[in-house]
Amino acid sequence: MFLTVIIDLFSRKILGWSMSDNVTTQDTIIAAWHMAIKSNVITEQLIFNSDREPQYTSYKFTNSLKSDNGLVKQSRSRKGTCWDNAVAKSFFKSLKVEWVYKHNYSFRY
């Protein structure tokens, strides 16, 4: 299972998320992005920062960002720099420690 989240760096609020059994662009980041923009109307310019994984650099996703009235600028983490994704890494660590490791799950086959 793969979990994709979009986090507002100012409020630390999860704006969008998706769970998928694969890592395709459509089922991960695009699904999370659609959830984020459905409940949060973009009225001012913002920066979407991500790592350099193929889902975030794909033509399909970059075009999706460009279609939001030109208000979204994409930024990618620097190669080999862990600080750029510190907020996301912290979120996933908290999720695992506070929830995942404390529960038993049935696996999907």
PDB file of N, CA and C in Angstrom:
ATOM      1  N   MET A   1       0.836  -1.169   0.000  1.00  0.00           N
ATOM      2  CA  MET A   1       0.000   0.000   0.000  1.00  0.00           C
ATOM      3  C   MET A   1       0.887   1.239   0.000  1.00  0.00           C
ATOM      4  N   PHE A   2       0.540   2.212  -0.794  1.00  0.00           N
ATOM      5  CA  PHE A   2       1.293   3.448  -0.890  1.00  0.00           C
ATOM      6  C   PHE A   2       0.399   4.604  -0.465  1.00  0.00           C
ATOM      7  N   LEU A   3       0.925   5.459   0.376  1.00  0.00           N
ATOM      8  CA  LEU A   3       0.205   6.644   0.838  1.00  0.00           C
ATOM      9  C   LEU A   3       0.919   7.878   0.322  1.00  0.00           C
ATOM     10  N   THR A   4       0.179   8.757  -0.330  1.00  0.00           N
ATOM     11  CA  THR A   4       0.701  10.027  -0.822  1.00  0.00           C
ATOM     12  C   THR A   4      -0.027  11.137  -0.088  1.00  0.00           C
ATOM     13  N   VAL A   5       0.713  12.119   0.427  1.00  0.00           N
ATOM     14  CA  VAL A   5       0.086  13.242   1.115  1.00  0.00           C
ATOM     15  C   VAL A   5       0.592  14.561   0.549  1.00  0.00           C
ATOM     16  N   ILE A   6      -0.281  15.552   0.594  1.00  0.00           N
ATOM     17  CA  ILE A   6       0.090  16.926   0.261  1.00  0.00           C
ATOM     18  C   ILE A   6      -0.102  17.727   1.534  1.00  0.00           C
ATOM     19  N   ILE A   7       0.985  18.339   2.001  1.00  0.00           N
ATOM     20  CA  ILE A   7       0.991  19.043   3.279  1.00  0.00           C
ATOM     21  C   ILE A   7       1.217  20.535   3.048  1.00  0.00           C
ATOM     22  N   ASP A   8       0.395  21.352   3.693  1.00  0.00           N
ATOM     23  CA  ASP A   8       0.602  22.799   3.706  1.00  0.00           C
ATOM     24  C   ASP A   8       1.727  23.080   4.702  1.00  0.00           C
ATOM     25  N   LEU A   9       2.831  23.641   4.241  1.00  0.00           N
ATOM     26  CA  LEU A   9       3.972  23.858   5.129  1.00  0.00           C
ATOM     27  C   LEU A   9       3.701  24.914   6.193  1.00  0.00           C
ATOM     28  N   PHE A  10       2.781  25.841   5.936  1.00  0.00           N
ATOM     29  CA  PHE A  10       2.481  26.878   6.923  1.00  0.00           C
ATOM     30  C   PHE A  10       1.671  26.317   8.087  1.00  0.00           C
ATOM     31  N   SER A  11       0.586  25.612   7.774  1.00  0.00           N
ATOM     32  CA  SER A  11      -0.314  25.113   8.820  1.00  0.00           C
ATOM     33  C   SER A  11      -0.007  23.679   9.238  1.00  0.00           C
ATOM     34  N   ARG A  12       0.807  22.974   8.465  1.00  0.00           N
ATOM     35  CA  ARG A  12       1.111  21.548   8.659  1.00  0.00           C
ATOM     36  C   ARG A  12      -0.139  20.680   8.499  1.00  0.00           C
ATOM     37  N   LYS A  13      -1.133  21.209   7.823  1.00  0.00           N
ATOM     38  CA  LYS A  13      -2.389  20.490   7.582  1.00  0.00           C
ATOM     39  C   LYS A  13      -2.251  19.617   6.333  1.00  0.00           C
ATOM     40  N   ILE A  14      -2.828  18.413   6.390  1.00  0.00           N
ATOM     41  CA  ILE A  14      -2.878  17.547   5.211  1.00  0.00           C
ATOM     42  C   ILE A  14      -3.999  18.069   4.319  1.00  0.00           C
ATOM     43  N   LEU A  15      -3.656  18.541   3.127  1.00  0.00           N
ATOM     44  CA  LEU A  15      -4.650  19.095   2.210  1.00  0.00           C
ATOM     45  C   LEU A  15      -5.243  18.039   1.290  1.00  0.00           C
ATOM     46  N   GLY A  16      -4.450  17.043   0.964  1.00  0.00           N
ATOM     47  CA  GLY A  16      -4.911  15.979   0.087  1.00  0.00           C
ATOM     48  C   GLY A  16      -4.103  14.722   0.332  1.00  0.00           C
ATOM     49  N   TRP A  17      -4.714  13.576   0.062  1.00  0.00           N
ATOM     50  CA  TRP A  17      -4.012  12.312   0.232  1.00  0.00           C
ATOM     51  C   TRP A  17      -4.616  11.262  -0.681  1.00  0.00           C
ATOM     52  N   SER A  18      -3.856  10.219  -0.915  1.00  0.00           N
ATOM     53  CA  SER A  18      -4.375   9.080  -1.666  1.00  0.00           C
ATOM     54  C   SER A  18      -3.672   7.815  -1.194  1.00  0.00           C
ATOM     55  N   MET A  19      -4.389   6.721  -1.265  1.00  0.00           N
ATOM     56  CA  MET A  19      -3.816   5.402  -0.987  1.00  0.00           C
ATOM     57  C   MET A  19      -3.996   4.576  -2.246  1.00  0.00           C
ATOM     58  N   SER A  20      -2.946   3.828  -2.574  1.00  0.00           N
ATOM     59  CA  SER A  20      -2.985   3.046  -3.790  1.00  0.00           C
ATOM     60  C   SER A  20      -2.149   1.790  -3.631  1.00  0.00           C
ATOM     61  N   ASP A  21      -2.466   0.790  -4.418  1.00  0.00           N
ATOM     62  CA  ASP A  21      -1.659  -0.430  -4.402  1.00  0.00           C
ATOM     63  C   ASP A  21      -0.564  -0.387  -5.469  1.00  0.00           C
ATOM     64  N   ASN A  22      -0.415   0.769  -6.124  1.00  0.00           N
ATOM     65  CA  ASN A  22       0.639   0.937  -7.119  1.00  0.00           C
ATOM     66  C   ASN A  22       1.189   2.363  -7.031  1.00  0.00           C
ATOM     67  N   VAL A  23       2.254   2.642  -7.758  1.00  0.00           N
ATOM     68  CA  VAL A  23       2.867   3.969  -7.686  1.00  0.00           C
ATOM     69  C   VAL A  23       2.706   4.763  -8.981  1.00  0.00           C
ATOM     70  N   THR A  24       1.628   4.517  -9.696  1.00  0.00           N
ATOM     71  CA  THR A  24       1.407   5.282 -10.920  1.00  0.00           C
ATOM     72  C   THR A  24       1.075   6.727 -10.574  1.00  0.00           C
ATOM     73  N   THR A  25       1.400   7.617 -11.471  1.00  0.00           N
ATOM     74  CA  THR A  25       1.139   9.045 -11.275  1.00  0.00           C
ATOM     75  C   THR A  25      -0.335   9.306 -11.018  1.00  0.00           C
ATOM     76  N   GLN A  26      -1.200   8.672 -11.790  1.00  0.00           N
ATOM     77  CA  GLN A  26      -2.646   8.887 -11.670  1.00  0.00           C
ATOM     78  C   GLN A  26      -3.173   8.480 -10.299  1.00  0.00           C
ATOM     79  N   ASP A  27      -2.715   7.343  -9.799  1.00  0.00           N
ATOM     80  CA  ASP A  27      -3.258   6.807  -8.550  1.00  0.00           C
ATOM     81  C   ASP A  27      -2.600   7.377  -7.296  1.00  0.00           C
ATOM     82  N   THR A  28      -1.485   8.062  -7.447  1.00  0.00           N
ATOM     83  CA  THR A  28      -0.805   8.616  -6.271  1.00  0.00           C
ATOM     84  C   THR A  28      -0.961  10.123  -6.229  1.00  0.00           C
ATOM     85  N   ILE A  29      -0.076  10.833  -6.863  1.00  0.00           N
ATOM     86  CA  ILE A  29      -0.031  12.286  -6.700  1.00  0.00           C
ATOM     87  C   ILE A  29      -1.205  13.013  -7.358  1.00  0.00           C
ATOM     88  N   ILE A  30      -1.652  12.564  -8.501  1.00  0.00           N
ATOM     89  CA  ILE A  30      -2.778  13.263  -9.146  1.00  0.00           C
ATOM     90  C   ILE A  30      -4.046  13.101  -8.316  1.00  0.00           C
ATOM     91  N   ALA A  31      -4.273  11.914  -7.770  1.00  0.00           N
ATOM     92  CA  ALA A  31      -5.444  11.713  -6.906  1.00  0.00           C
ATOM     93  C   ALA A  31      -5.360  12.595  -5.659  1.00  0.00           C
ATOM     94  N   ALA A  32      -4.184  12.678  -5.052  1.00  0.00           N
ATOM     95  CA  ALA A  32      -4.004  13.526  -3.866  1.00  0.00           C
ATOM     96  C   ALA A  32      -4.163  15.002  -4.232  1.00  0.00           C
ATOM     97  N   TRP A  33      -3.630  15.402  -5.383  1.00  0.00           N
ATOM     98  CA  TRP A  33      -3.730  16.806  -5.825  1.00  0.00           C
ATOM     99  C   TRP A  33      -5.182  17.193  -6.062  1.00  0.00           C
ATOM    100  N   HIS A  34      -5.954  16.307  -6.693  1.00  0.00           N
ATOM    101  CA  HIS A  34      -7.377  16.607  -6.936  1.00  0.00           C
ATOM    102  C   HIS A  34      -8.129  16.783  -5.613  1.00  0.00           C
ATOM    103  N   MET A  35      -7.819  15.968  -4.621  1.00  0.00           N
ATOM    104  CA  MET A  35      -8.446  16.133  -3.316  1.00  0.00           C
ATOM    105  C   MET A  35      -8.052  17.482  -2.705  1.00  0.00           C
ATOM    106  N   ALA A  36      -6.802  17.835  -2.820  1.00  0.00           N
ATOM    107  CA  ALA A  36      -6.318  19.090  -2.226  1.00  0.00           C
ATOM    108  C   ALA A  36      -6.978  20.309  -2.859  1.00  0.00           C
ATOM    109  N   ILE A  37      -7.093  20.340  -4.177  1.00  0.00           N
ATOM    110  CA  ILE A  37      -7.661  21.526  -4.816  1.00  0.00           C
ATOM    111  C   ILE A  37      -9.180  21.553  -4.771  1.00  0.00           C
ATOM    112  N   LYS A  38      -9.798  20.382  -4.542  1.00  0.00           N
ATOM    113  CA  LYS A  38     -11.258  20.340  -4.424  1.00  0.00           C
ATOM    114  C   LYS A  38     -11.715  21.088  -3.165  1.00  0.00           C
ATOM    115  N   SER A  39     -10.966  20.950  -2.088  1.00  0.00           N
ATOM    116  CA  SER A  39     -11.370  21.565  -0.824  1.00  0.00           C
ATOM    117  C   SER A  39     -10.605  22.843  -0.500  1.00  0.00           C
ATOM    118  N   ASN A  40      -9.650  23.217  -1.333  1.00  0.00           N
ATOM    119  CA  ASN A  40      -8.852  24.426  -1.095  1.00  0.00           C
ATOM    120  C   ASN A  40      -8.679  25.179  -2.405  1.00  0.00           C
ATOM    121  N   VAL A  41      -9.512  26.187  -2.616  1.00  0.00           N
ATOM    122  CA  VAL A  41      -9.472  26.944  -3.852  1.00  0.00           C
ATOM    123  C   VAL A  41      -8.181  27.763  -3.896  1.00  0.00           C
ATOM    124  N   ILE A  42      -7.490  27.693  -5.010  1.00  0.00           N
ATOM    125  CA  ILE A  42      -6.238  28.431  -5.164  1.00  0.00           C
ATOM    126  C   ILE A  42      -6.559  29.826  -5.686  1.00  0.00           C
ATOM    127  N   THR A  43      -6.291  30.846  -4.863  1.00  0.00           N
ATOM    128  CA  THR A  43      -6.569  32.226  -5.253  1.00  0.00           C
ATOM    129  C   THR A  43      -5.306  33.065  -5.356  1.00  0.00           C
ATOM    130  N   GLU A  44      -4.232  32.566  -4.770  1.00  0.00           N
ATOM    131  CA  GLU A  44      -2.952  33.270  -4.827  1.00  0.00           C
ATOM    132  C   GLU A  44      -1.875  32.304  -5.271  1.00  0.00           C
ATOM    133  N   GLN A  45      -0.777  32.868  -5.747  1.00  0.00           N
ATOM    134  CA  GLN A  45       0.308  32.023  -6.226  1.00  0.00           C
ATOM    135  C   GLN A  45       0.875  31.175  -5.085  1.00  0.00           C
ATOM    136  N   LEU A  46       1.179  29.925  -5.390  1.00  0.00           N
ATOM    137  CA  LEU A  46       1.786  29.047  -4.395  1.00  0.00           C
ATOM    138  C   LEU A  46       2.866  28.203  -5.048  1.00  0.00           C
ATOM    139  N   ILE A  47       3.720  27.655  -4.198  1.00  0.00           N
ATOM    140  CA  ILE A  47       4.808  26.791  -4.654  1.00  0.00           C
ATOM    141  C   ILE A  47       4.509  25.368  -4.214  1.00  0.00           C
ATOM    142  N   PHE A  48       4.550  24.449  -5.148  1.00  0.00           N
ATOM    143  CA  PHE A  48       4.373  23.024  -4.857  1.00  0.00           C
ATOM    144  C   PHE A  48       5.757  22.400  -4.878  1.00  0.00           C
ATOM    145  N   ASN A  49       6.271  22.035  -3.708  1.00  0.00           N
ATOM    146  CA  ASN A  49       7.592  21.420  -3.624  1.00  0.00           C
ATOM    147  C   ASN A  49       7.447  19.913  -3.448  1.00  0.00           C
ATOM    148  N   SER A  50       8.284  19.179  -4.138  1.00  0.00           N
ATOM    149  CA  SER A  50       8.257  17.714  -4.035  1.00  0.00           C
ATOM    150  C   SER A  50       9.663  17.179  -4.223  1.00  0.00           C
ATOM    151  N   ASP A  51       9.777  15.866  -4.055  1.00  0.00           N
ATOM    152  CA  ASP A  51      11.060  15.246  -4.350  1.00  0.00           C
ATOM    153  C   ASP A  51      11.145  15.002  -5.858  1.00  0.00           C
ATOM    154  N   ARG A  52      12.135  14.251  -6.269  1.00  0.00           N
ATOM    155  CA  ARG A  52      12.381  14.047  -7.692  1.00  0.00           C
ATOM    156  C   ARG A  52      11.865  12.710  -8.218  1.00  0.00           C
ATOM    157  N   GLU A  53      10.928  12.112  -7.517  1.00  0.00           N
ATOM    158  CA  GLU A  53      10.361  10.837  -7.964  1.00  0.00           C
ATOM    159  C   GLU A  53       9.615  11.040  -9.288  1.00  0.00           C
ATOM    160  N   PRO A  54       9.544   9.998 -10.114  1.00  0.00           N
ATOM    161  CA  PRO A  54       8.912  10.117 -11.438  1.00  0.00           C
ATOM    162  C   PRO A  54       7.457  10.589 -11.403  1.00  0.00           C
ATOM    163  N   GLN A  55       6.711  10.250 -10.345  1.00  0.00           N
ATOM    164  CA  GLN A  55       5.307  10.673 -10.279  1.00  0.00           C
ATOM    165  C   GLN A  55       5.204  12.199 -10.254  1.00  0.00           C
ATOM    166  N   TYR A  56       6.138  12.861  -9.583  1.00  0.00           N
ATOM    167  CA  TYR A  56       6.097  14.316  -9.440  1.00  0.00           C
ATOM    168  C   TYR A  56       6.700  15.041 -10.633  1.00  0.00           C
ATOM    169  N   THR A  57       7.546  14.371 -11.367  1.00  0.00           N
ATOM    170  CA  THR A  57       8.191  15.003 -12.513  1.00  0.00           C
ATOM    171  C   THR A  57       7.526  14.643 -13.833  1.00  0.00           C
ATOM    172  N   SER A  58       6.495  13.814 -13.772  1.00  0.00           N
ATOM    173  CA  SER A  58       5.836  13.367 -15.002  1.00  0.00           C
ATOM    174  C   SER A  58       5.142  14.522 -15.716  1.00  0.00           C
ATOM    175  N   TYR A  59       5.073  14.385 -17.014  1.00  0.00           N
ATOM    176  CA  TYR A  59       4.406  15.374 -17.854  1.00  0.00           C
ATOM    177  C   TYR A  59       2.942  15.529 -17.440  1.00  0.00           C
ATOM    178  N   LYS A  60       2.306  14.417 -17.124  1.00  0.00           N
ATOM    179  CA  LYS A  60       0.889  14.424 -16.745  1.00  0.00           C
ATOM    180  C   LYS A  60       0.650  15.273 -15.487  1.00  0.00           C
ATOM    181  N   PHE A  61       1.521  15.119 -14.471  1.00  0.00           N
ATOM    182  CA  PHE A  61       1.340  15.886 -13.245  1.00  0.00           C
ATOM    183  C   PHE A  61       1.735  17.350 -13.416  1.00  0.00           C
ATOM    184  N   THR A  62       2.846  17.615 -14.095  1.00  0.00           N
ATOM    185  CA  THR A  62       3.258  19.012 -14.275  1.00  0.00           C
ATOM    186  C   THR A  62       2.209  19.789 -15.073  1.00  0.00           C
ATOM    187  N   ASN A  63       1.579  19.132 -16.034  1.00  0.00           N
ATOM    188  CA  ASN A  63       0.492  19.794 -16.767  1.00  0.00           C
ATOM    189  C   ASN A  63      -0.710  20.038 -15.875  1.00  0.00           C
ATOM    190  N   SER A  64      -0.972  19.128 -14.955  1.00  0.00           N
ATOM    191  CA  SER A  64      -2.072  19.306 -14.017  1.00  0.00           C
ATOM    192  C   SER A  64      -1.848  20.544 -13.152  1.00  0.00           C
ATOM    193  N   LEU A  65      -0.616  20.744 -12.717  1.00  0.00           N
ATOM    194  CA  LEU A  65      -0.298  21.945 -11.922  1.00  0.00           C
ATOM    195  C   LEU A  65      -0.445  23.215 -12.746  1.00  0.00           C
ATOM    196  N   LYS A  66      -0.023  23.172 -13.997  1.00  0.00           N
ATOM    197  CA  LYS A  66      -0.082  24.352 -14.871  1.00  0.00           C
ATOM    198  C   LYS A  66      -1.521  24.737 -15.195  1.00  0.00           C
ATOM    199  N   SER A  67      -2.442  23.786 -15.124  1.00  0.00           N
ATOM    200  CA  SER A  67      -3.827  24.068 -15.493  1.00  0.00           C
ATOM    201  C   SER A  67      -4.591  24.860 -14.423  1.00  0.00           C
ATOM    202  N   ASP A  68      -3.978  25.103 -13.288  1.00  0.00           N
ATOM    203  CA  ASP A  68      -4.650  25.838 -12.209  1.00  0.00           C
ATOM    204  C   ASP A  68      -4.386  27.335 -12.312  1.00  0.00           C
ATOM    205  N   ASN A  69      -4.815  27.919 -13.424  1.00  0.00           N
ATOM    206  CA  ASN A  69      -4.734  29.358 -13.675  1.00  0.00           C
ATOM    207  C   ASN A  69      -3.324  29.920 -13.568  1.00  0.00           C
ATOM    208  N   GLY A  70      -2.335  29.097 -13.726  1.00  0.00           N
ATOM    209  CA  GLY A  70      -0.952  29.569 -13.665  1.00  0.00           C
ATOM    210  C   GLY A  70      -0.517  30.022 -12.288  1.00  0.00           C
ATOM    211  N   LEU A  71      -1.264  29.664 -11.260  1.00  0.00           N
ATOM    212  CA  LEU A  71      -0.952  30.115  -9.908  1.00  0.00           C
ATOM    213  C   LEU A  71      -0.013  29.165  -9.166  1.00  0.00           C
ATOM    214  N   VAL A  72       0.224  27.986  -9.725  1.00  0.00           N
ATOM    215  CA  VAL A  72       1.054  26.995  -9.046  1.00  0.00           C
ATOM    216  C   VAL A  72       2.405  26.882  -9.747  1.00  0.00           C
ATOM    217  N   LYS A  73       3.447  27.095  -8.973  1.00  0.00           N
ATOM    218  CA  LYS A  73       4.805  26.938  -9.492  1.00  0.00           C
ATOM    219  C   LYS A  73       5.395  25.689  -8.834  1.00  0.00           C
ATOM    220  N   GLN A  74       5.980  24.823  -9.651  1.00  0.00           N
ATOM    221  CA  GLN A  74       6.545  23.589  -9.112  1.00  0.00           C
ATOM    222  C   GLN A  74       8.018  23.781  -8.774  1.00  0.00           C
ATOM    223  N   SER A  75       8.383  23.232  -7.628  1.00  0.00           N
ATOM    224  CA  SER A  75       9.754  23.256  -7.151  1.00  0.00           C
ATOM    225  C   SER A  75      10.124  21.836  -6.770  1.00  0.00           C
ATOM    226  N   ARG A  76      11.348  21.451  -7.048  1.00  0.00           N
ATOM    227  CA  ARG A  76      11.785  20.103  -6.683  1.00  0.00           C
ATOM    228  C   ARG A  76      12.934  20.183  -5.697  1.00  0.00           C
ATOM    229  N   SER A  77      12.972  19.222  -4.805  1.00  0.00           N
ATOM    230  CA  SER A  77      14.041  19.161  -3.817  1.00  0.00           C
ATOM    231  C   SER A  77      15.387  19.029  -4.503  1.00  0.00           C
ATOM    232  N   ARG A  78      16.384  19.568  -3.847  1.00  0.00           N
ATOM    233  CA  ARG A  78      17.736  19.450  -4.377  1.00  0.00           C
ATOM    234  C   ARG A  78      18.229  18.031  -4.212  1.00  0.00           C
ATOM    235  N   LYS A  79      18.996  17.584  -5.131  1.00  0.00           N
ATOM    236  CA  LYS A  79      19.528  16.231  -5.111  1.00  0.00           C
ATOM    237  C   LYS A  79      20.407  16.029  -3.881  1.00  0.00           C
ATOM    238  N   GLY A  80      20.110  14.971  -3.122  1.00  0.00           N
ATOM    239  CA  GLY A  80      20.918  14.632  -1.957  1.00  0.00           C
ATOM    240  C   GLY A  80      20.696  15.514  -0.743  1.00  0.00           C
ATOM    241  N   THR A  81      19.628  16.313  -0.738  1.00  0.00           N
ATOM    242  CA  THR A  81      19.352  17.205   0.380  1.00  0.00           C
ATOM    243  C   THR A  81      18.110  16.729   1.125  1.00  0.00           C
ATOM    244  N   CYS A  82      18.317  16.156   2.298  1.00  0.00           N
ATOM    245  CA  CYS A  82      17.196  15.593   3.055  1.00  0.00           C
ATOM    246  C   CYS A  82      16.330  16.665   3.714  1.00  0.00           C
ATOM    247  N   TRP A  83      16.857  17.864   3.914  1.00  0.00           N
ATOM    248  CA  TRP A  83      16.109  18.909   4.621  1.00  0.00           C
ATOM    249  C   TRP A  83      14.894  19.388   3.839  1.00  0.00           C
ATOM    250  N   ASP A  84      14.928  19.271   2.536  1.00  0.00           N
ATOM    251  CA  ASP A  84      13.819  19.757   1.723  1.00  0.00           C
ATOM    252  C   ASP A  84      12.520  18.999   1.976  1.00  0.00           C
ATOM    253  N   ASN A  85      12.610  17.756   2.372  1.00  0.00           N
ATOM    254  CA  ASN A  85      11.418  16.945   2.625  1.00  0.00           C
ATOM    255  C   ASN A  85      11.248  16.610   4.100  1.00  0.00           C
ATOM    256  N   ALA A  86      11.826  17.413   4.965  1.00  0.00           N
ATOM    257  CA  ALA A  86      11.806  17.124   6.402  1.00  0.00           C
ATOM    258  C   ALA A  86      10.381  17.078   6.963  1.00  0.00           C
ATOM    259  N   VAL A  87       9.499  17.944   6.507  1.00  0.00           N
ATOM    260  CA  VAL A  87       8.128  17.973   7.019  1.00  0.00           C
ATOM    261  C   VAL A  87       7.399  16.673   6.659  1.00  0.00           C
ATOM    262  N   ALA A  88       7.535  16.230   5.423  1.00  0.00           N
ATOM    263  CA  ALA A  88       6.887  14.985   5.001  1.00  0.00           C
ATOM    264  C   ALA A  88       7.485  13.791   5.743  1.00  0.00           C
ATOM    265  N   LYS A  89       8.788  13.758   5.873  1.00  0.00           N
ATOM    266  CA  LYS A  89       9.442  12.658   6.595  1.00  0.00           C
ATOM    267  C   LYS A  89       8.978  12.625   8.051  1.00  0.00           C
ATOM    268  N   SER A  90       8.846  13.776   8.665  1.00  0.00           N
ATOM    269  CA  SER A  90       8.383  13.863  10.049  1.00  0.00           C
ATOM    270  C   SER A  90       6.938  13.361  10.174  1.00  0.00           C
ATOM    271  N   PHE A  91       6.091  13.731   9.209  1.00  0.00           N
ATOM    272  CA  PHE A  91       4.707  13.272   9.211  1.00  0.00           C
ATOM    273  C   PHE A  91       4.639  11.748   9.159  1.00  0.00           C
ATOM    274  N   PHE A  92       5.378  11.143   8.221  1.00  0.00           N
ATOM    275  CA  PHE A  92       5.329   9.694   8.074  1.00  0.00           C
ATOM    276  C   PHE A  92       5.906   8.976   9.285  1.00  0.00           C
ATOM    277  N   LYS A  93       6.916   9.536   9.900  1.00  0.00           N
ATOM    278  CA  LYS A  93       7.466   8.926  11.120  1.00  0.00           C
ATOM    279  C   LYS A  93       6.426   8.968  12.240  1.00  0.00           C
ATOM    280  N   SER A  94       5.781  10.116  12.431  1.00  0.00           N
ATOM    281  CA  SER A  94       4.738  10.228  13.460  1.00  0.00           C
ATOM    282  C   SER A  94       3.585   9.270  13.184  1.00  0.00           C
ATOM    283  N   LEU A  95       3.179   9.176  11.942  1.00  0.00           N
ATOM    284  CA  LEU A  95       2.091   8.269  11.565  1.00  0.00           C
ATOM    285  C   LEU A  95       2.439   6.828  11.917  1.00  0.00           C
ATOM    286  N   LYS A  96       3.649   6.422  11.601  1.00  0.00           N
ATOM    287  CA  LYS A  96       4.067   5.050  11.890  1.00  0.00           C
ATOM    288  C   LYS A  96       4.155   4.794  13.392  1.00  0.00           C
ATOM    289  N   VAL A  97       4.786   5.692  14.121  1.00  0.00           N
ATOM    290  CA  VAL A  97       4.986   5.488  15.562  1.00  0.00           C
ATOM    291  C   VAL A  97       3.672   5.568  16.327  1.00  0.00           C
ATOM    292  N   GLU A  98       2.827   6.542  15.981  1.00  0.00           N
ATOM    293  CA  GLU A  98       1.609   6.771  16.746  1.00  0.00           C
ATOM    294  C   GLU A  98       0.425   5.913  16.289  1.00  0.00           C
ATOM    295  N   TRP A  99       0.481   5.341  15.091  1.00  0.00           N
ATOM    296  CA  TRP A  99      -0.672   4.602  14.610  1.00  0.00           C
ATOM    297  C   TRP A  99      -0.312   3.236  14.026  1.00  0.00           C
ATOM    298  N   VAL A 100       0.487   3.214  12.993  1.00  0.00           N
ATOM    299  CA  VAL A 100       0.727   1.985  12.237  1.00  0.00           C
ATOM    300  C   VAL A 100       1.301   0.868  13.095  1.00  0.00           C
ATOM    301  N   TYR A 101       2.334   1.156  13.870  1.00  0.00           N
ATOM    302  CA  TYR A 101       2.988   0.118  14.658  1.00  0.00           C
ATOM    303  C   TYR A 101       2.135  -0.376  15.822  1.00  0.00           C
ATOM    304  N   LYS A 102       1.075   0.323  16.160  1.00  0.00           N
ATOM    305  CA  LYS A 102       0.220  -0.054  17.289  1.00  0.00           C
ATOM    306  C   LYS A 102      -0.988  -0.898  16.877  1.00  0.00           C
ATOM    307  N   HIS A 103      -1.161  -1.140  15.589  1.00  0.00           N
ATOM    308  CA  HIS A 103      -2.337  -1.861  15.094  1.00  0.00           C
ATOM    309  C   HIS A 103      -1.931  -3.017  14.189  1.00  0.00           C
ATOM    310  N   ASN A 104      -2.769  -4.000  14.136  1.00  0.00           N
ATOM    311  CA  ASN A 104      -2.577  -5.121  13.220  1.00  0.00           C
ATOM    312  C   ASN A 104      -3.467  -4.908  11.997  1.00  0.00           C
ATOM    313  N   TYR A 105      -2.968  -5.286  10.842  1.00  0.00           N
ATOM    314  CA  TYR A 105      -3.698  -5.054   9.599  1.00  0.00           C
ATOM    315  C   TYR A 105      -3.825  -6.332   8.800  1.00  0.00           C
ATOM    316  N   SER A 106      -4.918  -6.463   8.095  1.00  0.00           N
ATOM    317  CA  SER A 106      -5.065  -7.539   7.126  1.00  0.00           C
ATOM    318  C   SER A 106      -4.398  -7.064   5.838  1.00  0.00           C
ATOM    319  N   PHE A 107      -3.680  -7.938   5.198  1.00  0.00           N
ATOM    320  CA  PHE A 107      -2.991  -7.558   3.973  1.00  0.00           C
ATOM    321  C   PHE A 107      -3.864  -7.816   2.768  1.00  0.00           C
ATOM    322  N   ARG A 108      -3.729  -6.960   1.781  1.00  0.00           N
ATOM    323  CA  ARG A 108      -4.442  -7.132   0.515  1.00  0.00           C
ATOM    324  C   ARG A 108      -3.588  -7.975  -0.412  1.00  0.00           C
ATOM    325  N   TYR A 109      -4.187  -8.977  -1.034  1.00  0.00           N
ATOM    326  CA  TYR A 109      -3.460  -9.834  -1.980  1.00  0.00           C
ATOM    327  C   TYR A 109      -4.051  -9.736  -3.340  1.00  0.00           C
TER     328      TYR A 109
END
